[in-house]
Amino acid sequence: MTDQPLSEYKSLDDIRAHKEALRKVLQRERQSMKTHWDGLFHKPDANLPSRRISTLMTTGASVFDGIILVWKLYNRFGGGKRTAKKTKKGSKGFLASLFS
């Protein structure tokens, strides 16, 4: 901001000078905010081959991870065939042995 406090205005020219200084500060801040906003929410162009390959690998890994997750959930919640676990002949399970 400027060095003048509000109480030292002696004329309209002082007020105009302060107003112009504030306008410049606001314009710089607006430009700074615009630059930060664009940096956060706009993707950079992927013109470099290394960046394209990196993006492709990241996307591929994410898709593969999603496919594995869907497969596990499908098998977990009864989509796939389930086979009963085989136990040794004559042995009971741990819980069954506790309650018998």
Protein backbone atom coordinates (compact mmCIF):
# COMPACT_ATOMS: atom_id res chain seq x y z
CA MET A 1 0.00 0.00 0.00
CA THR A 2 1.10 3.60 0.22
CA ASP A 3 2.96 5.44 2.96
CA GLN A 4 0.23 8.00 3.62
CA PRO A 5 -2.24 7.24 6.37
CA LEU A 6 -5.83 8.34 5.87
CA SER A 7 -5.56 11.33 8.21
CA GLU A 8 -2.83 13.16 6.21
CA TYR A 9 -4.87 14.07 3.15
CA LYS A 10 -4.68 17.83 2.68
CA SER A 11 -6.25 18.22 -0.75
CA LEU A 12 -8.10 16.43 -3.51
CA ASP A 13 -4.79 15.86 -5.30
CA ASP A 14 -3.57 13.82 -2.33
CA ILE A 15 -6.72 11.71 -2.49
CA ARG A 16 -6.36 11.23 -6.26
CA ALA A 17 -2.71 10.21 -5.89
CA HIS A 18 -3.63 7.70 -3.19
CA LYS A 19 -6.49 6.38 -5.32
CA GLU A 20 -4.16 5.91 -8.30
CA ALA A 21 -1.61 4.12 -6.14
CA LEU A 22 -4.30 1.79 -4.82
CA ARG A 23 -5.52 1.14 -8.37
CA LYS A 24 -2.01 0.07 -9.41
CA VAL A 25 -1.68 -2.23 -6.39
CA LEU A 26 -5.05 -3.81 -7.16
CA GLN A 27 -4.10 -4.28 -10.80
CA ARG A 28 -0.86 -6.07 -9.82
CA GLU A 29 -2.74 -8.27 -7.35
CA ARG A 30 -5.40 -9.10 -9.95
CA GLN A 31 -2.71 -10.11 -12.43
CA SER A 32 -0.98 -12.22 -9.79
CA MET A 33 -4.25 -13.96 -8.87
CA LYS A 34 -5.01 -14.59 -12.56
CA THR A 35 -1.58 -16.17 -13.04
CA HIS A 36 -2.02 -18.43 -9.99
CA TRP A 37 -5.57 -19.39 -11.02
CA ASP A 38 -4.47 -20.32 -14.52
CA GLY A 39 -1.59 -22.34 -13.09
CA LEU A 40 -3.93 -24.32 -10.84
CA PHE A 41 -6.86 -25.06 -13.10
CA HIS A 42 -5.53 -25.18 -16.64
CA LYS A 43 -3.56 -28.15 -17.87
CA PRO A 44 -0.25 -27.37 -19.55
CA ASP A 45 0.08 -28.37 -23.18
CA ALA A 46 1.57 -31.82 -23.60
CA ASN A 47 3.74 -31.01 -26.60
CA LEU A 48 6.90 -32.67 -25.35
CA PRO A 49 7.24 -36.37 -26.20
CA SER A 50 8.42 -37.21 -22.69
CA ARG A 51 5.34 -35.54 -21.18
CA ARG A 52 3.02 -37.40 -23.56
CA ILE A 53 4.64 -40.73 -22.69
CA SER A 54 4.46 -39.94 -18.97
CA THR A 55 0.77 -39.01 -19.26
CA LEU A 56 0.06 -42.17 -21.27
CA MET A 57 1.80 -44.37 -18.69
CA THR A 58 -0.02 -42.71 -15.79
CA THR A 59 -3.37 -43.13 -17.51
CA GLY A 60 -2.60 -46.75 -18.37
CA ALA A 61 -1.60 -47.55 -14.80
CA SER A 62 -4.79 -45.95 -13.48
CA VAL A 63 -6.96 -47.95 -15.91
CA PHE A 64 -5.14 -51.17 -15.01
CA ASP A 65 -5.61 -50.47 -11.30
CA GLY A 66 -9.32 -49.85 -11.88
CA ILE A 67 -9.70 -53.12 -13.79
CA ILE A 68 -7.98 -55.07 -11.00
CA LEU A 69 -10.23 -53.40 -8.39
CA VAL A 70 -13.38 -54.28 -10.33
CA TRP A 71 -12.20 -57.87 -10.75
CA LYS A 72 -11.49 -58.24 -7.03
CA LEU A 73 -14.87 -56.75 -6.06
CA TYR A 74 -16.64 -58.97 -8.59
CA ASN A 75 -15.06 -62.10 -7.16
CA ARG A 76 -15.46 -60.96 -3.55
CA PHE A 77 -19.19 -60.31 -3.71
CA GLY A 78 -20.33 -63.50 -5.44
CA GLY A 79 -19.85 -62.74 -9.09
CA GLY A 80 -17.34 -65.47 -9.70
CA LYS A 81 -17.52 -69.17 -8.90
CA ARG A 82 -16.66 -69.98 -5.33
CA THR A 83 -15.14 -73.22 -4.25
CA ALA A 84 -15.51 -74.47 -0.70
CA LYS A 85 -12.30 -74.58 1.27
CA LYS A 86 -11.17 -78.13 1.82
CA THR A 87 -10.35 -79.14 5.34
CA LYS A 88 -8.40 -82.14 6.50
CA LYS A 89 -10.46 -85.22 7.12
CA GLY A 90 -11.71 -85.29 10.68
CA SER A 91 -10.49 -81.83 11.60
CA LYS A 92 -12.87 -79.12 12.61
CA GLY A 93 -12.48 -75.46 12.01
CA PHE A 94 -11.14 -73.24 14.76
CA LEU A 95 -14.54 -71.83 15.77
CA ALA A 96 -16.22 -75.21 15.58
CA SER A 97 -13.65 -76.68 17.95
CA LEU A 98 -14.28 -73.86 20.44
CA PHE A 99 -18.02 -74.41 20.61
CA SER A 100 -18.17 -78.21 20.62
